[in-house]
Amino acid sequence: MPIGKSLRKVTKNISKSKSAIHPKGRKFKQLTRASLREKKIAAKKELRSEQKQNDLLIVAFFQDSILETSRLDTKIFTIDDMKAFIETFIARDDQELQDLKDSRRPGRPASNKQMLLEARREQECGFYSAGWSVPDLTNEENVQRLRAWEGSFGGVTSLKFVSVSEKSQ
């Protein structure tokens, strides 16, 4: 008989037994394995959800950037334009970060918000230096799709992406 891996199946199987579970017994070990597996799966699911949110954030920023009234006539964009969009995206919280640094008294530790903003900025700079996967704005059809995008993660699959780094030409 196969060993149940999900916590629900294991607890259902254990609840059928009439006696208490022994701490060194087989059923106790099954229960422990299943609960650890559930925690690990939940952590991976949370991490993946956070990654999806971050991916949607940059795509939404690109959409806002190309929907500005001064850029509505532009059919395609250059790599330099895309680099400028990324640099603007990275610098979006610089003013708030500077305000937090200025308001902090000398000798005091940084606030949690300041540390989070600095960590996010460092992470985004790392993505940019390694090559950030962003919508390909050098393709006219892709630009039209991005302009018509409604903000869902499913709609992102129809877009073509290209890796852009600081050194891209």
C-alpha atoms as a PDB file:
ATOM      1  CA  MET A   1       0.000   0.000   0.000  1.00  0.00           C
ATOM      2  CA  PRO A   2       1.490   3.395  -0.983  1.00  0.00           C
ATOM      3  CA  ILE A   3       2.435   5.846   1.707  1.00  0.00           C
ATOM      4  CA  GLY A   4       0.225   8.926   1.762  1.00  0.00           C
ATOM      5  CA  LYS A   5       2.215  12.107   1.374  1.00  0.00           C
ATOM      6  CA  SER A   6      -0.385  14.776   1.965  1.00  0.00           C
ATOM      7  CA  LEU A   7      -1.145  15.794   5.513  1.00  0.00           C
ATOM      8  CA  ARG A   8      -4.866  15.324   4.963  1.00  0.00           C
ATOM      9  CA  LYS A   9      -4.458  11.686   3.886  1.00  0.00           C
ATOM     10  CA  VAL A  10      -2.050  10.862   6.685  1.00  0.00           C
ATOM     11  CA  THR A  11      -4.264  12.383   9.388  1.00  0.00           C
ATOM     12  CA  LYS A  12      -7.278  10.570   7.961  1.00  0.00           C
ATOM     13  CA  ASN A  13      -5.388   7.271   8.091  1.00  0.00           C
ATOM     14  CA  ILE A  14      -4.154   7.913  11.626  1.00  0.00           C
ATOM     15  CA  SER A  15      -7.604   8.920  12.891  1.00  0.00           C
ATOM     16  CA  LYS A  16      -8.860   5.432  12.031  1.00  0.00           C
ATOM     17  CA  SER A  17      -6.543   3.861  14.594  1.00  0.00           C
ATOM     18  CA  LYS A  18      -8.029   3.262  18.013  1.00  0.00           C
ATOM     19  CA  SER A  19      -4.918   3.660  20.132  1.00  0.00           C
ATOM     20  CA  ALA A  20      -2.696   6.662  20.704  1.00  0.00           C
ATOM     21  CA  ILE A  21       0.323   7.253  18.488  1.00  0.00           C
ATOM     22  CA  HIS A  22       3.700   6.277  19.888  1.00  0.00           C
ATOM     23  CA  PRO A  23       6.335   9.058  19.580  1.00  0.00           C
ATOM     24  CA  LYS A  24       8.831   6.705  17.935  1.00  0.00           C
ATOM     25  CA  GLY A  25       6.292   4.846  15.849  1.00  0.00           C
ATOM     26  CA  ARG A  26       5.822   4.595  12.105  1.00  0.00           C
ATOM     27  CA  LYS A  27       2.587   6.623  12.035  1.00  0.00           C
ATOM     28  CA  PHE A  28       4.141   9.444  14.055  1.00  0.00           C
ATOM     29  CA  LYS A  29       7.011   9.629  11.562  1.00  0.00           C
ATOM     30  CA  GLN A  30       4.535   9.690   8.660  1.00  0.00           C
ATOM     31  CA  LEU A  31       2.670  12.538  10.313  1.00  0.00           C
ATOM     32  CA  THR A  32       5.901  14.464  10.894  1.00  0.00           C
ATOM     33  CA  ARG A  33       7.031  13.981   7.281  1.00  0.00           C
ATOM     34  CA  ALA A  34       3.652  15.058   5.945  1.00  0.00           C
ATOM     35  CA  SER A  35       3.493  18.194   8.088  1.00  0.00           C
ATOM     36  CA  LEU A  36       7.045  19.210   7.108  1.00  0.00           C
ATOM     37  CA  ARG A  37       6.152  18.611   3.457  1.00  0.00           C
ATOM     38  CA  GLU A  38       3.071  20.825   3.784  1.00  0.00           C
ATOM     39  CA  LYS A  39       5.167  23.631   5.314  1.00  0.00           C
ATOM     40  CA  LYS A  40       7.770  23.349   2.557  1.00  0.00           C
ATOM     41  CA  ILE A  41       5.132  23.426  -0.177  1.00  0.00           C
ATOM     42  CA  ALA A  42       3.423  26.442   1.416  1.00  0.00           C
ATOM     43  CA  ALA A  43       6.748  28.307   1.610  1.00  0.00           C
ATOM     44  CA  LYS A  44       7.513  27.586  -2.055  1.00  0.00           C
ATOM     45  CA  LYS A  45       4.005  28.650  -3.038  1.00  0.00           C
ATOM     46  CA  GLU A  46       4.409  31.939  -1.153  1.00  0.00           C
ATOM     47  CA  LEU A  47       7.799  32.575  -2.776  1.00  0.00           C
ATOM     48  CA  ARG A  48       6.404  31.884  -6.255  1.00  0.00           C
ATOM     49  CA  SER A  49       3.444  34.176  -5.599  1.00  0.00           C
ATOM     50  CA  GLU A  50       5.817  36.956  -4.536  1.00  0.00           C
ATOM     51  CA  GLN A  51       7.901  36.436  -7.699  1.00  0.00           C
ATOM     52  CA  LYS A  52       4.766  36.679  -9.845  1.00  0.00           C
ATOM     53  CA  GLN A  53       3.808  39.937  -8.129  1.00  0.00           C
ATOM     54  CA  ASN A  54       7.269  41.385  -8.786  1.00  0.00           C
ATOM     55  CA  ASP A  55       7.090  40.325 -12.442  1.00  0.00           C
ATOM     56  CA  LEU A  56       3.668  41.936 -12.794  1.00  0.00           C
ATOM     57  CA  LEU A  57       4.969  45.120 -11.177  1.00  0.00           C
ATOM     58  CA  ILE A  58       7.672  45.707 -13.807  1.00  0.00           C
ATOM     59  CA  VAL A  59       5.290  44.843 -16.658  1.00  0.00           C
ATOM     60  CA  ALA A  60       2.670  47.256 -15.285  1.00  0.00           C
ATOM     61  CA  PHE A  61       5.337  49.955 -14.983  1.00  0.00           C
ATOM     62  CA  PHE A  62       6.365  49.404 -18.602  1.00  0.00           C
ATOM     63  CA  GLN A  63       2.723  49.613 -19.646  1.00  0.00           C
ATOM     64  CA  ASP A  64       2.275  52.901 -17.769  1.00  0.00           C
ATOM     65  CA  SER A  65       5.460  54.215 -19.352  1.00  0.00           C
ATOM     66  CA  ILE A  66       4.388  53.488 -22.925  1.00  0.00           C
ATOM     67  CA  LEU A  67       0.838  54.733 -22.296  1.00  0.00           C
ATOM     68  CA  GLU A  68       2.035  58.229 -21.357  1.00  0.00           C
ATOM     69  CA  THR A  69       0.561  60.811 -23.719  1.00  0.00           C
ATOM     70  CA  SER A  70       3.984  61.800 -25.053  1.00  0.00           C
ATOM     71  CA  ARG A  71       4.694  58.192 -26.118  1.00  0.00           C
ATOM     72  CA  LEU A  72       1.334  57.142 -27.560  1.00  0.00           C
ATOM     73  CA  ASP A  73       2.469  57.775 -31.141  1.00  0.00           C
ATOM     74  CA  THR A  74       5.611  55.680 -30.754  1.00  0.00           C
ATOM     75  CA  LYS A  75       5.212  52.242 -32.315  1.00  0.00           C
ATOM     76  CA  ILE A  76       8.514  50.709 -31.174  1.00  0.00           C
ATOM     77  CA  PHE A  77      11.139  51.608 -28.601  1.00  0.00           C
ATOM     78  CA  THR A  78      14.901  51.178 -28.577  1.00  0.00           C
ATOM     79  CA  ILE A  79      16.999  49.247 -26.095  1.00  0.00           C
ATOM     80  CA  ASP A  80      18.128  52.598 -24.662  1.00  0.00           C
ATOM     81  CA  ASP A  81      14.479  53.530 -24.032  1.00  0.00           C
ATOM     82  CA  MET A  82      13.941  50.213 -22.273  1.00  0.00           C
ATOM     83  CA  LYS A  83      17.060  50.811 -20.162  1.00  0.00           C
ATOM     84  CA  ALA A  84      15.720  54.251 -19.235  1.00  0.00           C
ATOM     85  CA  PHE A  85      12.389  52.674 -18.199  1.00  0.00           C
ATOM     86  CA  ILE A  86      14.208  50.141 -15.999  1.00  0.00           C
ATOM     87  CA  GLU A  87      16.380  52.828 -14.392  1.00  0.00           C
ATOM     88  CA  THR A  88      13.272  54.909 -13.687  1.00  0.00           C
ATOM     89  CA  PHE A  89      11.605  51.831 -12.187  1.00  0.00           C
ATOM     90  CA  ILE A  90      14.577  51.171  -9.913  1.00  0.00           C
ATOM     91  CA  ALA A  91      14.675  54.820  -8.804  1.00  0.00           C
ATOM     92  CA  ARG A  92      10.935  55.041  -8.045  1.00  0.00           C
ATOM     93  CA  ASP A  93      11.454  54.995  -4.252  1.00  0.00           C
ATOM     94  CA  ASP A  94      14.629  57.084  -4.070  1.00  0.00           C
ATOM     95  CA  GLN A  95      12.842  60.194  -2.762  1.00  0.00           C
ATOM     96  CA  GLU A  96      11.117  58.271   0.040  1.00  0.00           C
ATOM     97  CA  LEU A  97      14.392  56.536   0.902  1.00  0.00           C
ATOM     98  CA  GLN A  98      16.193  59.866   1.081  1.00  0.00           C
ATOM     99  CA  ASP A  99      13.437  61.310   3.302  1.00  0.00           C
ATOM    100  CA  LEU A 100      13.769  58.346   5.674  1.00  0.00           C
ATOM    101  CA  LYS A 101      17.541  58.802   5.828  1.00  0.00           C
ATOM    102  CA  ASP A 102      17.193  62.544   6.485  1.00  0.00           C
ATOM    103  CA  SER A 103      14.561  62.131   9.217  1.00  0.00           C
ATOM    104  CA  ARG A 104      16.623  59.568  11.135  1.00  0.00           C
ATOM    105  CA  ARG A 105      18.616  60.969  14.039  1.00  0.00           C
ATOM    106  CA  PRO A 106      22.384  60.420  13.927  1.00  0.00           C
ATOM    107  CA  GLY A 107      23.494  57.251  15.662  1.00  0.00           C
ATOM    108  CA  ARG A 108      20.084  55.583  15.383  1.00  0.00           C
ATOM    109  CA  PRO A 109      19.608  52.363  13.419  1.00  0.00           C
ATOM    110  CA  ALA A 110      17.734  52.397  10.128  1.00  0.00           C
ATOM    111  CA  SER A 111      13.983  51.842  10.268  1.00  0.00           C
ATOM    112  CA  ASN A 112      12.466  48.634   8.944  1.00  0.00           C
ATOM    113  CA  LYS A 113      10.922  50.460   6.014  1.00  0.00           C
ATOM    114  CA  GLN A 114      14.268  51.980   5.086  1.00  0.00           C
ATOM    115  CA  MET A 115      15.970  48.589   5.255  1.00  0.00           C
ATOM    116  CA  LEU A 116      13.249  47.032   3.073  1.00  0.00           C
ATOM    117  CA  LEU A 117      13.521  49.793   0.473  1.00  0.00           C
ATOM    118  CA  GLU A 118      17.310  49.501   0.383  1.00  0.00           C
ATOM    119  CA  ALA A 119      17.130  45.703   0.057  1.00  0.00           C
ATOM    120  CA  ARG A 120      14.594  45.953  -2.765  1.00  0.00           C
ATOM    121  CA  ARG A 121      16.726  48.533  -4.564  1.00  0.00           C
ATOM    122  CA  GLU A 122      19.826  46.332  -4.248  1.00  0.00           C
ATOM    123  CA  GLN A 123      17.895  43.314  -5.520  1.00  0.00           C
ATOM    124  CA  GLU A 124      16.553  45.238  -8.516  1.00  0.00           C
ATOM    125  CA  CYS A 125      20.028  46.603  -9.302  1.00  0.00           C
ATOM    126  CA  GLY A 126      21.278  43.012  -9.227  1.00  0.00           C
ATOM    127  CA  PHE A 127      18.534  41.946 -11.641  1.00  0.00           C
ATOM    128  CA  TYR A 128      19.428  44.831 -13.937  1.00  0.00           C
ATOM    129  CA  SER A 129      23.157  44.126 -13.943  1.00  0.00           C
ATOM    130  CA  ALA A 130      22.581  40.405 -14.609  1.00  0.00           C
ATOM    131  CA  GLY A 131      19.882  40.994 -17.226  1.00  0.00           C
ATOM    132  CA  TRP A 132      16.269  41.747 -16.365  1.00  0.00           C
ATOM    133  CA  SER A 133      13.547  39.981 -18.334  1.00  0.00           C
ATOM    134  CA  VAL A 134      11.200  42.728 -19.530  1.00  0.00           C
ATOM    135  CA  PRO A 135       8.618  43.017 -22.328  1.00  0.00           C
ATOM    136  CA  ASP A 136      10.247  43.360 -25.758  1.00  0.00           C
ATOM    137  CA  LEU A 137       9.372  46.881 -26.896  1.00  0.00           C
ATOM    138  CA  THR A 138      11.416  46.614 -30.106  1.00  0.00           C
ATOM    139  CA  ASN A 139       8.586  44.549 -31.618  1.00  0.00           C
ATOM    140  CA  GLU A 140       5.550  46.571 -32.770  1.00  0.00           C
ATOM    141  CA  GLU A 141       3.062  43.742 -32.198  1.00  0.00           C
ATOM    142  CA  ASN A 142       4.373  43.233 -28.666  1.00  0.00           C
ATOM    143  CA  VAL A 143       3.997  46.964 -27.912  1.00  0.00           C
ATOM    144  CA  GLN A 144       0.363  46.806 -29.056  1.00  0.00           C
ATOM    145  CA  ARG A 145      -0.271  43.769 -26.847  1.00  0.00           C
ATOM    146  CA  LEU A 146       1.299  45.507 -23.859  1.00  0.00           C
ATOM    147  CA  ARG A 147      -0.848  48.604 -24.414  1.00  0.00           C
ATOM    148  CA  ALA A 148      -3.966  46.379 -24.488  1.00  0.00           C
ATOM    149  CA  TRP A 149      -2.882  44.276 -21.481  1.00  0.00           C
ATOM    150  CA  GLU A 150      -5.454  44.273 -18.655  1.00  0.00           C
ATOM    151  CA  GLY A 151      -3.141  43.539 -15.732  1.00  0.00           C
ATOM    152  CA  SER A 152      -3.652  39.800 -15.241  1.00  0.00           C
ATOM    153  CA  PHE A 153      -0.849  37.285 -15.003  1.00  0.00           C
ATOM    154  CA  GLY A 154      -2.488  35.175 -17.704  1.00  0.00           C
ATOM    155  CA  GLY A 155      -2.241  38.063 -20.150  1.00  0.00           C
ATOM    156  CA  VAL A 156       1.511  38.266 -19.643  1.00  0.00           C
ATOM    157  CA  THR A 157       1.964  34.915 -21.392  1.00  0.00           C
ATOM    158  CA  SER A 158       1.065  36.496 -24.741  1.00  0.00           C
ATOM    159  CA  LEU A 159       3.947  38.983 -24.422  1.00  0.00           C
ATOM    160  CA  LYS A 160       7.459  38.328 -25.655  1.00  0.00           C
ATOM    161  CA  PHE A 161      10.224  39.078 -23.178  1.00  0.00           C
ATOM    162  CA  VAL A 162      13.840  40.049 -23.682  1.00  0.00           C
ATOM    163  CA  SER A 163      16.699  40.230 -21.202  1.00  0.00           C
ATOM    164  CA  VAL A 164      18.032  43.777 -20.771  1.00  0.00           C
ATOM    165  CA  SER A 165      21.103  44.593 -18.706  1.00  0.00           C
ATOM    166  CA  GLU A 166      23.226  47.672 -18.115  1.00  0.00           C
ATOM    167  CA  LYS A 167      25.632  46.444 -20.784  1.00  0.00           C
ATOM    168  CA  SER A 168      22.977  45.677 -23.432  1.00  0.00           C
ATOM    169  CA  GLN A 169      23.406  47.335 -26.794  1.00  0.00           C
END
